[in-house]
Amino acid sequence: MIIPYNELSKDALQTLIEDFVTRDGTDYGDNEKSMQEKAEHLLALLKTGDLLITYNEDTKDCGLVTKDKLGNNI
């Protein structure tokens, strides 16, 4: 299930984004960015629709995924 970012409260969205940027594997390469810069980048991607919030009803888990990765499953 896709959850529109603007349907989350500001606090819930911020928590989701912060959780994502602090996970292992979110390395930005040689360009080290602050948590705020990473969060702003993700929010911009959410606003353009290039990044989506997913929710799995079976596992009660939510996450962020690029539109390209979902492909035709949207």
Protein backbone atom coordinates (compact mmCIF):
# COMPACT_ATOMS: atom_id res chain seq x y z
CA MET A 1 0.00 0.00 0.00
CA ILE A 2 1.28 3.49 -0.86
CA ILE A 3 0.71 6.20 1.76
CA PRO A 4 0.76 9.79 0.49
CA TYR A 5 3.37 11.70 2.49
CA ASN A 6 0.99 14.61 3.09
CA GLU A 7 -1.46 12.32 4.90
CA LEU A 8 1.03 11.78 7.73
CA SER A 9 1.37 14.22 10.58
CA LYS A 10 4.48 16.39 10.45
CA ASP A 11 5.94 14.51 13.43
CA ALA A 12 5.23 11.06 11.96
CA LEU A 13 6.79 12.03 8.64
CA GLN A 14 9.87 13.46 10.34
CA THR A 15 10.27 10.31 12.44
CA LEU A 16 9.97 8.08 9.37
CA ILE A 17 12.55 10.12 7.47
CA GLU A 18 14.96 10.25 10.42
CA ASP A 19 14.65 6.51 10.90
CA PHE A 20 15.49 5.96 7.25
CA VAL A 21 18.55 8.24 7.14
CA THR A 22 20.05 6.70 10.28
CA ARG A 23 19.86 3.12 8.98
CA ASP A 24 22.93 1.26 7.83
CA GLY A 25 23.33 1.32 4.09
CA THR A 26 22.25 4.91 3.50
CA ASP A 27 25.79 6.01 2.65
CA TYR A 28 26.04 9.00 0.34
CA GLY A 29 29.57 8.17 -0.83
CA ASP A 30 32.34 10.73 -0.63
CA ASN A 31 29.88 13.58 -0.03
CA GLU A 32 29.17 13.42 3.69
CA LYS A 33 25.83 15.07 4.45
CA SER A 34 24.24 16.03 7.72
CA MET A 35 21.11 14.28 8.90
CA GLN A 36 19.14 17.45 8.15
CA GLU A 37 20.48 17.60 4.58
CA LYS A 38 19.58 13.95 4.03
CA ALA A 39 16.11 14.50 5.48
CA GLU A 40 15.52 17.56 3.30
CA HIS A 41 16.61 15.59 0.23
CA LEU A 42 14.19 12.76 1.03
CA LEU A 43 11.34 15.20 1.65
CA ALA A 44 12.00 16.83 -1.72
CA LEU A 45 11.86 13.40 -3.38
CA LEU A 46 8.58 12.64 -1.59
CA LYS A 47 7.10 15.93 -2.82
CA THR A 48 8.04 15.17 -6.45
CA GLY A 49 6.70 11.63 -6.20
CA ASP A 50 10.09 10.05 -6.92
CA LEU A 51 10.12 8.55 -3.42
CA LEU A 52 7.09 6.83 -1.92
CA ILE A 53 6.01 5.69 1.52
CA THR A 54 4.98 2.05 1.58
CA TYR A 55 3.04 0.19 4.23
CA ASN A 56 2.77 -3.59 4.51
CA GLU A 57 -0.45 -4.52 6.26
CA ASP A 58 0.75 -8.06 7.01
CA THR A 59 3.96 -7.05 8.77
CA LYS A 60 2.75 -3.61 9.95
CA ASP A 61 5.98 -2.20 8.53
CA CYS A 62 6.46 1.03 6.63
CA GLY A 63 9.36 2.25 4.57
CA LEU A 64 10.56 4.47 1.78
CA VAL A 65 11.09 3.22 -1.75
CA THR A 66 11.88 4.92 -5.04
CA LYS A 67 9.14 5.01 -7.64
CA ASP A 68 11.50 3.24 -10.05
CA LYS A 69 11.92 0.27 -7.69
CA LEU A 70 8.16 -0.21 -7.46
CA GLY A 71 7.82 -0.09 -11.23
CA ASN A 72 4.40 -1.27 -12.33
CA ASN A 73 3.42 -2.32 -8.79
CA ILE A 74 2.05 1.12 -7.99
